[in-house]
Amino acid sequence: MSVTVDQIALNQWIVCAWMGQVAPGARRDTVVLGQRIRLTCLVDGALACHELAADGSAGRQLPLIQRYEMVFTTLGAEPRPLPEIAEFTESDRKIVNCGSVGVNTSPYRIIENFLDMAHLCFVHTDVLGSLDNTEVYSYKTEHRTGLDEVWATDCAFFQPAASKAAAVSGGGQLTHYKYRVMSPFSVMLYKNVYDEPDRDDVICVFIQPLGETQCFAYMTMAIVDANSTVGELIDFQQTIFLQDRVILENQRPALLPLATSAEIPTRADLSSIAFRRWLKATGIRFGILRAEAA
């Protein structure tokens, strides 16, 4: 596995661990964009991160940001800002670190799956979707140039058990979403709280691309739910993502094609279309199916 030379990919803040994953006095060796790195936790709990050479020796020290229950680093000299997510500062929310799941696919396939409402009734039947209510209602997408992010708004989908709280109460609901692609390797959604319609739960997926088709997906949430335990919330989210992993690892090609003729979208794929246009505009090449390989 070689280190990418794609400057767009290098200049991203990329998750490399969850907070607390490396115990004081211990270390974690992992890979980001093909580059081996080492996280070291000092006895006082402070973290340091270094690139590793082929012989395992520590090289350049890398910057770190600890936020949203995650640890982020960057290989680039001019990284784009880490996104701001205000809900993580609200004191009445449960901040839930759901850990990570390995997925053998392109990071962008993971993001597209997260954006895709059409699969909910078929992959997450009787939980996030119902076979009796498969329609994806019209919604809007936009490139928010000030943030340089892709948003999908006015999204609605009928869900039998949209969250752990809804699953307990039963009955189903029309769930309202806003999706936000924050970077090539991070995506989140705002979902209306089951019993507080004026507030939104927040669910994030931060992706650590080891290589072009090997990733860890880290999930973290800021949830308004006074009744569920953290363990129950983690179990619910992990179950959903493991159902998605089966689909993701069977998609072909694993690399994401950006040519408009490569895959035929439907009306429900507006967010995917906006995401691919945005990726193409950035000029990113890492994890993208080259035209000559299509």
Foldseek 3Di string as FASTA:
>chain_A
DAADPFQQQQQAWAFDFFQPPAAAQGKDWAFFRQWIKMWHQHNVRDIWMFTADPVRDGDDTWDWDHPLRTIITGRHPHHDDDDDDPLVVDPQWDKAWLTKDKFQFALQLVVLVVLFLQCCCPLVNLAAAHPVWRDWDAWDWDQPVVQRKIKIAPTWGWGQHPALVSVVVGDIDTKGKMKIGRGSFKIKMWIAAPPHRVGTKIKMWGWRDNALRIIMIIIIITHNDPPDDSVSRSVVVVVSVVSVRVVLNPDPPRQAELPCPPDDDDSSSPSVVVVSVSVVVSVGDGSHDDPVND
